Amino acid sequence: MLSTRLSSLSPRAFSAVLPQASTYWVAHRSSQKPRQSLIGSSRGRTWGRHEAGLSARSYSSHASGSTIESAGESFGRSYLYVPATAERMLEKSLTTTSDVIIYDLEDSVPPSPADKNGARARLAHFLSTRVGDLPSHERIAVRLNSNATPFFADDILQAMRLPCIRTLVLPKIHSARDLDHVSEEIFLGYKGHKLRNPDGPHVQIVASIESAQAMHNLGEIAGWQSKYGAALGGTLSALLFAAEDYCADTGIIRTTSRQELLYTRSHIVVTAKAFRLKAIDMVCVNYKDLRYLRDECEDGRRLGFTGKQAIHPSQVDVIQSTFVPSSKGPEKSFPACLLRAVLTFISLCCTEILRAARILKQMEKAHLANRGAAGLELEGGGMEMIDAPMIKQAENVVRIAKAAGLDIPDVQ
C-alpha cells in the first residue's frame, strides 16, 4: 500500500518534498547496501568499548533517583528544562531529582516582549525568594535568549545578579565570536556592575550547537577561552546538541532511527572530548514513550555523550539510569536498525506534510493561549513536544510542498 502511494508521485514532486527519503527509497529499490559508516554493527562494538571507559571515569553512582556530585561539581546525566512561564512549574522544579535544572527563558516562552520580560521577572523572584528551598547551586542553570535577540542583555544581567545561577546555557552559538559577546557581558557583570564576587565559583557556559555554521566552526567553539580569564569571563564546560533547531537550519528530516544525525552527534562528542568538555545529547521529543527514550539514551551513551536533555520530569529517571556504567555488553543491532530506517523513511513520505500542518495549527492555538510550546498526539499513542524550532521545520515542509503543487491538508 505504501509503495503504491509513493509510486504515484511524480519524481519532481517526490524529490522536492522529501529529497532524503527519495534518495534512500531509490537506493533501497535498487538493492544497494547502506553505507557502513551510517548504519553498522561496528558502531556498537567500537564506540561501546570506548565510551564505557569514559563513563567509568565520569560517574560514581548507579542510582537513578539521586543526583551525583563530587568535589563540589555536579555530574550532568540529566538536564531538565523548566519553563519560566508559570509559577506552578517553577515550584515543581524544587522536587525533581534531575542532576541539572535548566530554567528556560528561550523557546518555552512565547516570543512577545511582554512574555519574555514577564518570564525573566518571574524566575528572578522565584530564585531570590526561595533561597532556602533551592537545590545546590551546582545544579541550577538558566537558558538565556540568544545574544542576537533584544532580550539577551537583560537576561544575562539578571542572571549575574543571582549568585545561585552557576551555569548559563547559550542558544544559537554559531562561532567563537558569539562566546566573546557573552563573555563581555559576564565581565561587565563582575567589574562594571559589580554584581558578583570574582573570587566565587566561575560562571560555567554551555554552548548550544544548533546550525550548520556552528558545526563548521565546532573546533574553534570548543577551544574557546575568555580573554578576561575564567574568573571574570566565564569558562566553557559543555557542548549541547539542539537537534530540532539543527534540523530546521539544515533541512535534515528527523526520523526515529536517528541515522540522519549520526555524523553530527558523533562529531560533537569527539570534539567535546578533545577539549575535555561534557557532551549533552539531544531532547527526545516523544516524552510519553519511555521505551523509545531508553533506546535513544542507550544510543547516546554508545556514541559517548555524557548526559541528555529532558523536557518532562518523567524522562529524568530513565536518563539517569541509562547514563551510568552498565554490566551489559554492547548489542549488535544492524538488522533491526536497517529495517527501522527503511520503514521510517517510507512512512515519512506519506505523513510529513500532514504532520507539518498539524504542528502549525497546534502552535497557532498555543500562542493564542499565551503558551510557548504544545503537544502533538502521535498515531498509536504518545505525545510529541512542539516548540519554536519545530515550527520552522514545519514551515519549510509546507513551503516546499506548495512549490511542488501538493495540497496542504486543512486540519483543526
Protein backbone atom coordinates (compact mmCIF):
# COMPACT_ATOMS: atom_id res chain seq x y z
CA MET A 1 0.00 0.00 0.00
CA LEU A 2 2.74 2.46 0.95
CA SER A 3 4.85 1.62 -2.09
CA THR A 4 1.82 2.12 -4.32
CA ARG A 5 1.19 5.56 -2.86
CA LEU A 6 4.82 6.51 -3.27
CA SER A 7 5.00 5.40 -6.88
CA SER A 8 2.04 7.64 -7.73
CA LEU A 9 4.10 10.76 -7.01
CA SER A 10 6.00 12.34 -9.87
CA PRO A 11 9.82 12.31 -9.50
CA ARG A 12 9.84 16.12 -9.37
CA ALA A 13 7.23 16.33 -6.60
CA PHE A 14 8.74 13.41 -4.70
CA SER A 15 12.27 14.80 -4.63
CA ALA A 16 11.10 18.36 -3.97
CA VAL A 17 9.15 17.39 -0.86
CA LEU A 18 11.41 14.73 0.61
CA PRO A 19 14.82 14.64 -1.06
CA GLN A 20 16.50 12.44 1.51
CA ALA A 21 13.64 9.97 1.66
CA SER A 22 13.61 9.87 -2.14
CA THR A 23 17.32 9.07 -2.30
CA TYR A 24 17.04 6.39 0.33
CA TRP A 25 13.97 4.82 -1.31
CA VAL A 26 15.66 4.67 -4.70
CA ALA A 27 18.74 3.06 -3.13
CA HIS A 28 16.53 0.55 -1.34
CA ARG A 29 14.61 -0.33 -4.50
CA SER A 30 17.92 -0.83 -6.30
CA SER A 31 19.11 -3.22 -3.55
CA GLN A 32 22.09 -1.03 -2.77
CA LYS A 33 23.74 -1.71 0.55
CA PRO A 34 23.63 1.06 3.17
CA ARG A 35 26.87 2.86 3.93
CA GLN A 36 28.72 1.13 6.75
CA SER A 37 29.60 4.50 8.29
CA LEU A 38 25.91 5.31 8.77
CA ILE A 39 24.46 2.00 9.92
CA GLY A 40 26.54 -0.94 11.02
CA SER A 41 27.34 -3.33 13.81
CA SER A 42 30.89 -1.95 14.02
CA ARG A 43 29.45 1.23 15.54
CA GLY A 44 28.26 -0.59 18.65
CA ARG A 45 31.44 -2.62 19.08
CA THR A 46 33.95 0.22 18.71
CA TRP A 47 32.15 3.06 20.44
CA GLY A 48 30.67 0.83 23.13
CA ARG A 49 34.11 -0.10 24.50
CA HIS A 50 35.45 3.44 24.27
CA GLU A 51 32.55 5.20 25.97
CA ALA A 52 32.49 2.63 28.77
CA GLY A 53 35.94 3.79 29.80
CA LEU A 54 34.93 7.45 29.65
CA SER A 55 31.78 6.89 31.67
CA ALA A 56 33.60 4.91 34.33
CA ARG A 57 35.82 7.93 34.98
CA SER A 58 32.92 10.38 34.97
CA TYR A 59 30.30 8.79 37.24
CA SER A 60 30.37 7.31 40.70
CA SER A 61 26.81 6.06 41.26
CA HIS A 62 24.21 3.93 39.51
CA ALA A 63 21.26 5.46 41.34
CA SER A 64 18.59 6.90 39.06
CA GLY A 65 16.71 8.69 41.79
CA SER A 66 19.52 10.83 43.14
CA THR A 67 21.96 13.35 41.79
CA ILE A 68 25.68 12.64 41.53
CA GLU A 69 28.10 15.18 42.92
CA SER A 70 31.84 15.03 43.53
CA ALA A 71 34.25 17.66 44.81
CA GLY A 72 31.60 20.38 44.52
CA GLU A 73 30.81 19.56 40.89
CA SER A 74 27.50 18.19 39.65
CA PHE A 75 27.92 15.45 37.05
CA GLY A 76 25.26 16.01 34.43
CA ARG A 77 23.39 12.94 33.32
CA SER A 78 20.00 14.65 33.03
CA TYR A 79 19.34 18.28 32.12
CA LEU A 80 15.67 19.06 32.74
CA TYR A 81 14.17 22.17 31.14
CA VAL A 82 11.71 24.06 33.33
CA PRO A 83 9.72 26.84 31.58
CA ALA A 84 9.69 30.14 33.44
CA THR A 85 6.18 30.79 32.13
CA ALA A 86 4.27 29.65 35.21
CA GLU A 87 4.84 29.74 38.97
CA ARG A 88 3.47 26.19 39.23
CA MET A 89 6.26 24.79 37.05
CA LEU A 90 8.93 26.67 38.98
CA GLU A 91 7.61 25.31 42.29
CA LYS A 92 7.53 21.78 40.90
CA SER A 93 11.20 22.06 39.96
CA LEU A 94 12.10 22.01 43.66
CA THR A 95 11.16 18.32 43.82
CA THR A 96 12.99 16.98 40.76
CA THR A 97 16.00 14.70 41.11
CA SER A 98 17.48 15.85 37.79
CA ASP A 99 21.22 16.39 38.01
CA VAL A 100 20.85 19.80 36.38
CA ILE A 101 17.75 22.01 36.22
CA ILE A 102 17.69 24.42 33.28
CA TYR A 103 15.23 27.26 33.91
CA ASP A 104 14.23 28.30 30.42
CA LEU A 105 13.75 31.85 29.15
CA GLU A 106 14.01 30.94 25.46
CA ASP A 107 11.92 28.53 23.38
CA SER A 108 9.37 27.57 26.05
CA VAL A 109 8.40 31.24 26.45
CA PRO A 110 6.19 32.91 23.80
CA PRO A 111 8.19 35.39 21.68
CA SER A 112 6.41 38.62 22.64
CA PRO A 113 8.35 41.19 24.74
CA ALA A 114 5.67 41.08 27.42
CA ASP A 115 6.01 37.31 27.80
CA LYS A 116 9.83 37.38 27.74
CA ASN A 117 10.07 40.16 30.30
CA GLY A 118 7.42 38.53 32.47
CA ALA A 119 9.21 35.17 32.48
CA ARG A 120 12.52 36.80 33.40
CA ALA A 121 10.97 38.70 36.31
CA ARG A 122 9.07 35.62 37.49
CA LEU A 123 12.21 33.50 37.54
CA ALA A 124 14.25 36.18 39.33
CA HIS A 125 11.58 36.50 42.03
CA PHE A 126 11.39 32.73 42.46
CA LEU A 127 15.16 32.21 42.78
CA SER A 128 15.62 35.17 45.13
CA THR A 129 12.72 34.36 47.47
CA ARG A 130 13.09 30.57 47.72
CA VAL A 131 16.79 30.52 48.60
CA GLY A 132 16.39 28.03 51.43
CA ASP A 133 14.43 25.59 49.27
CA LEU A 134 16.58 25.66 46.15
CA PRO A 135 18.75 22.70 45.13
CA SER A 136 22.52 23.01 45.34
CA HIS A 137 23.76 25.85 43.16
CA GLU A 138 25.82 23.48 41.02
CA ARG A 139 22.52 22.05 39.75
CA ILE A 140 20.98 25.38 38.72
CA ALA A 141 21.28 26.63 35.14
CA VAL A 142 19.39 29.15 33.04
CA ARG A 143 18.91 29.10 29.29
CA LEU A 144 19.02 32.70 28.10
CA ASN A 145 17.66 34.09 24.88
CA SER A 146 20.17 34.24 22.03
CA ASN A 147 22.71 37.07 22.03
CA ALA A 148 21.19 38.10 18.67
CA THR A 149 17.85 38.95 20.35
CA PRO A 150 16.86 42.14 22.17
CA PHE A 151 16.22 40.10 25.32
CA PHE A 152 19.77 38.81 25.82
CA ALA A 153 21.26 41.83 27.62
CA ASP A 154 18.53 41.90 30.27
CA ASP A 155 18.60 38.10 30.60
CA ILE A 156 22.31 37.86 31.36
CA LEU A 157 22.27 40.94 33.60
CA GLN A 158 19.52 39.38 35.69
CA ALA A 159 21.33 36.03 35.79
CA MET A 160 24.51 37.70 37.03
CA ARG A 161 22.53 39.32 39.86
CA LEU A 162 21.62 35.87 41.21
CA PRO A 163 24.70 34.04 42.58
CA CYS A 164 22.73 30.79 42.78
CA ILE A 165 22.91 30.61 38.97
CA ARG A 166 26.21 28.90 38.24
CA THR A 167 25.59 27.80 34.64
CA LEU A 168 24.39 29.72 31.59
CA VAL A 169 23.06 27.76 28.61
CA LEU A 170 23.61 29.88 25.50
CA PRO A 171 21.44 29.05 22.47
CA LYS A 172 22.47 29.58 18.86
CA ILE A 173 26.22 29.72 19.37
CA HIS A 174 27.44 29.78 15.77
CA SER A 175 31.08 30.77 16.32
CA ALA A 176 33.63 31.76 18.95
CA ARG A 177 32.60 35.40 18.38
CA ASP A 178 29.25 34.64 20.00
CA LEU A 179 31.05 33.37 23.08
CA ASP A 180 33.20 36.51 23.12
CA HIS A 181 30.00 38.57 23.24
CA VAL A 182 28.66 36.51 26.12
CA SER A 183 31.97 36.76 27.96
CA GLU A 184 31.98 40.55 27.67
CA GLU A 185 28.60 40.69 29.38
CA ILE A 186 29.81 38.39 32.16
CA PHE A 187 32.87 40.60 32.64
CA LEU A 188 30.65 43.69 32.87
CA GLY A 189 28.57 41.90 35.48
CA TYR A 190 31.67 41.39 37.60
CA LYS A 191 33.59 44.61 37.05
CA GLY A 192 31.16 47.16 35.63
CA HIS A 193 28.05 46.42 37.68
CA LYS A 194 29.84 44.56 40.50
CA LEU A 195 27.00 42.03 40.70
CA ARG A 196 29.16 39.14 41.87
CA ASN A 197 32.31 38.43 43.82
CA PRO A 198 35.00 37.38 41.29
CA ASP A 199 36.56 35.18 43.96
CA GLY A 200 33.49 32.95 43.92
CA PRO A 201 32.79 29.99 41.62
CA HIS A 202 33.34 30.66 37.92
CA VAL A 203 30.36 31.08 35.63
CA GLN A 204 30.00 27.91 33.55
CA ILE A 205 28.94 28.30 29.91
CA VAL A 206 27.16 25.61 27.91
CA ALA A 207 27.26 26.25 24.14
CA SER A 208 24.19 25.05 22.26
CA ILE A 209 25.06 23.72 18.79
CA GLU A 210 22.09 24.46 16.53
CA SER A 211 23.25 25.22 12.99
CA ALA A 212 25.43 24.16 10.08
CA GLN A 213 27.61 27.18 10.76
CA ALA A 214 28.15 26.01 14.35
CA MET A 215 29.18 22.56 13.13
CA HIS A 216 31.61 24.14 10.65
CA ASN A 217 33.14 26.19 13.50
CA LEU A 218 32.88 23.47 16.14
CA GLY A 219 36.61 23.23 16.83
CA GLU A 220 37.02 26.96 17.48
CA ILE A 221 33.90 26.96 19.67
CA ALA A 222 35.13 24.03 21.76
CA GLY A 223 38.61 25.55 22.10
CA TRP A 224 37.34 29.00 23.11
CA GLN A 225 38.69 30.74 26.20
CA SER A 226 37.69 34.13 27.55
CA LYS A 227 40.19 36.94 27.06
CA TYR A 228 39.22 38.09 30.57
CA GLY A 229 40.15 34.76 32.11
CA ALA A 230 37.84 32.12 33.54
CA ALA A 231 37.25 34.02 36.80
CA LEU A 232 35.91 37.17 35.13
CA GLY A 233 34.75 35.99 31.72
CA GLY A 234 33.36 32.53 32.35
CA THR A 235 34.53 29.11 31.24
CA LEU A 236 33.12 26.77 28.62
CA SER A 237 32.07 23.50 30.25
CA ALA A 238 29.92 21.64 27.70
CA LEU A 239 28.64 21.34 24.15
CA LEU A 240 24.89 20.74 23.88
CA PHE A 241 23.19 19.43 20.75
CA ALA A 242 19.88 21.15 19.88
CA ALA A 243 18.66 18.68 17.26
CA GLU A 244 15.36 20.34 16.32
CA ASP A 245 16.99 23.71 15.63
CA TYR A 246 19.80 21.98 13.74
CA CYS A 247 17.39 20.07 11.52
CA ALA A 248 15.41 23.25 10.86
CA ASP A 249 18.61 25.02 9.80
CA THR A 250 19.99 22.23 7.63
CA GLY A 251 16.84 20.70 6.18
CA ILE A 252 17.60 17.31 7.73
CA ILE A 253 14.47 15.24 8.29
CA ARG A 254 14.21 13.72 11.77
CA THR A 255 13.35 10.03 11.98
CA THR A 256 13.07 7.59 14.85
CA SER A 257 16.13 5.73 13.52
CA ARG A 258 18.33 8.81 14.23
CA GLN A 259 20.75 7.71 11.49
CA GLU A 260 20.46 11.08 9.75
CA LEU A 261 22.05 12.70 12.84
CA LEU A 262 24.77 10.10 13.42
CA TYR A 263 27.59 12.13 11.89
CA THR A 264 26.60 15.33 13.68
CA ARG A 265 26.22 13.71 17.08
CA SER A 266 29.48 11.79 16.75
CA HIS A 267 31.36 14.91 15.69
CA ILE A 268 30.04 16.85 18.67
CA VAL A 269 31.09 14.10 21.09
CA VAL A 270 34.58 13.70 19.65
CA THR A 271 35.18 17.46 19.62
CA ALA A 272 33.91 17.84 23.18
CA LYS A 273 36.16 15.06 24.42
CA ALA A 274 39.15 16.54 22.58
CA PHE A 275 38.75 19.72 24.65
CA ARG A 276 37.71 17.95 27.87
CA LEU A 277 34.14 19.24 27.72
CA LYS A 278 30.89 17.50 28.58
CA ALA A 279 28.74 16.40 25.64
CA ILE A 280 24.98 16.73 26.14
CA ASP A 281 22.72 14.79 23.79
CA MET A 282 19.51 15.96 22.11
CA VAL A 283 15.99 16.08 23.52
CA CYS A 284 13.71 13.09 22.99
CA VAL A 285 10.61 14.97 21.85
CA ASN A 286 8.27 11.98 22.28
CA TYR A 287 8.13 12.50 26.02
CA LYS A 288 5.49 9.84 26.76
CA ASP A 289 7.21 6.89 25.08
CA LEU A 290 9.70 5.87 27.77
CA ARG A 291 10.71 2.72 25.91
CA TYR A 292 11.86 4.75 22.92
CA LEU A 293 13.53 7.24 25.28
CA ARG A 294 15.61 4.45 26.80
CA ASP A 295 16.63 3.28 23.33
CA GLU A 296 17.69 6.83 22.44
CA CYS A 297 19.58 7.16 25.74
CA GLU A 298 21.46 3.91 25.16
CA ASP A 299 22.31 5.09 21.66
CA GLY A 300 23.65 8.37 23.06
CA ARG A 301 25.79 6.57 25.62
CA ARG A 302 27.28 4.34 22.95
CA LEU A 303 28.21 7.44 20.97
CA GLY A 304 29.96 8.86 24.02
CA PHE A 305 27.55 11.54 25.27
CA THR A 306 27.85 12.22 29.00
CA GLY A 307 24.24 13.32 29.52
CA LYS A 308 20.95 14.14 27.88
CA GLN A 309 18.37 16.90 27.88
CA ALA A 310 14.85 16.29 29.21
CA ILE A 311 11.64 18.21 28.57
CA HIS A 312 9.41 16.36 31.05
CA PRO A 313 10.03 15.16 34.62
CA SER A 314 9.01 11.62 33.65
CA GLN A 315 12.12 11.38 31.45
CA VAL A 316 14.61 12.04 34.26
CA ASP A 317 14.75 8.58 35.86
CA VAL A 318 15.21 6.83 32.51
CA ILE A 319 18.02 9.18 31.52
CA GLN A 320 19.80 8.94 34.86
CA SER A 321 19.56 5.16 34.99
CA THR A 322 20.96 4.88 31.46
CA PHE A 323 23.89 7.32 31.57
CA VAL A 324 25.81 5.21 34.07
CA PRO A 325 28.14 2.24 33.56
CA SER A 326 26.33 -0.99 32.69
CA SER A 327 27.30 -4.61 33.14
CA LYS A 328 25.70 -5.48 29.78
CA GLY A 329 27.88 -5.59 26.70
CA PRO A 330 27.00 -3.67 23.52
CA GLU A 331 24.48 -5.33 21.25
CA LYS A 332 24.73 -5.98 17.54
CA SER A 333 21.74 -4.11 16.18
CA PHE A 334 22.41 -3.78 12.46
CA PRO A 335 19.41 -5.73 11.06
CA ALA A 336 16.85 -4.07 13.33
CA CYS A 337 18.33 -0.62 12.76
CA LEU A 338 18.29 -1.04 8.98
CA LEU A 339 14.72 -2.30 8.93
CA ARG A 340 13.56 0.54 11.16
CA ALA A 341 15.27 3.11 8.95
CA VAL A 342 13.62 1.76 5.79
CA LEU A 343 10.14 1.63 7.31
CA THR A 344 10.54 5.07 8.85
CA PHE A 345 11.51 6.73 5.58
CA ILE A 346 8.62 5.10 3.70
CA SER A 347 6.12 6.18 6.34
CA LEU A 348 7.62 9.66 6.43
CA CYS A 349 6.95 10.18 2.73
CA CYS A 350 3.22 9.73 3.34
CA THR A 351 2.82 11.69 6.57
CA GLU A 352 5.31 14.59 6.62
CA ILE A 353 3.00 17.19 5.07
CA LEU A 354 0.09 16.28 7.35
CA ARG A 355 2.37 16.40 10.39
CA ALA A 356 3.67 19.83 9.42
CA ALA A 357 0.14 21.17 9.00
CA ARG A 358 -0.85 19.80 12.42
CA ILE A 359 2.22 21.35 14.05
CA LEU A 360 1.46 24.80 12.66
CA LYS A 361 -2.18 24.58 13.75
CA GLN A 362 -1.28 23.43 17.26
CA MET A 363 1.26 26.21 17.72
CA GLU A 364 -1.22 28.77 16.45
CA LYS A 365 -3.59 27.61 19.19
CA ALA A 366 -0.79 27.59 21.77
CA HIS A 367 0.29 31.16 21.02
CA LEU A 368 -3.30 32.35 21.22
CA ALA A 369 -3.35 30.81 24.71
CA ASN A 370 -0.04 32.55 25.63
CA ARG A 371 1.92 29.29 25.67
CA GLY A 372 5.31 28.80 24.02
CA ALA A 373 5.02 25.05 23.47
CA ALA A 374 2.35 22.47 22.75
CA GLY A 375 1.92 18.72 22.47
CA LEU A 376 1.09 16.80 19.31
CA GLU A 377 -0.67 13.45 19.68
CA LEU A 378 1.05 10.66 17.76
CA GLU A 379 -0.62 7.81 15.94
CA GLY A 380 -0.62 4.74 18.12
CA GLY A 381 -0.23 6.77 21.32
CA GLY A 382 2.39 9.05 22.76
CA MET A 383 2.81 12.80 22.72
CA GLU A 384 5.48 14.80 20.90
CA MET A 385 6.59 18.18 22.26
CA ILE A 386 6.37 21.03 19.73
CA ASP A 387 8.32 24.26 20.15
CA ALA A 388 9.86 27.08 18.13
CA PRO A 389 12.42 25.15 16.04
CA MET A 390 9.83 22.57 15.02
CA ILE A 391 7.61 25.36 13.73
CA LYS A 392 10.43 26.40 11.41
CA GLN A 393 10.77 22.84 10.14
CA ALA A 394 7.02 22.59 9.56
CA GLU A 395 7.00 25.90 7.69
CA ASN A 396 9.80 24.61 5.45
CA VAL A 397 7.87 21.42 4.67
CA VAL A 398 4.69 23.32 3.81
CA ARG A 399 6.61 25.81 1.67
CA ILE A 400 8.32 23.06 -0.34
CA ALA A 401 5.09 21.08 -0.68
CA LYS A 402 3.28 24.12 -2.06
CA ALA A 403 6.12 24.73 -4.52
CA ALA A 404 5.73 21.14 -5.71
CA GLY A 405 2.00 21.68 -6.30
CA LEU A 406 0.89 19.39 -3.46
CA ASP A 407 -2.22 20.00 -1.40
CA ILE A 408 -1.85 21.11 2.21
CA PRO A 409 -4.50 19.44 4.39
CA ASP A 410 -6.85 21.67 6.35
CA VAL A 411 -6.51 20.48 9.96
CA GLN A 412 -8.28 21.61 13.10
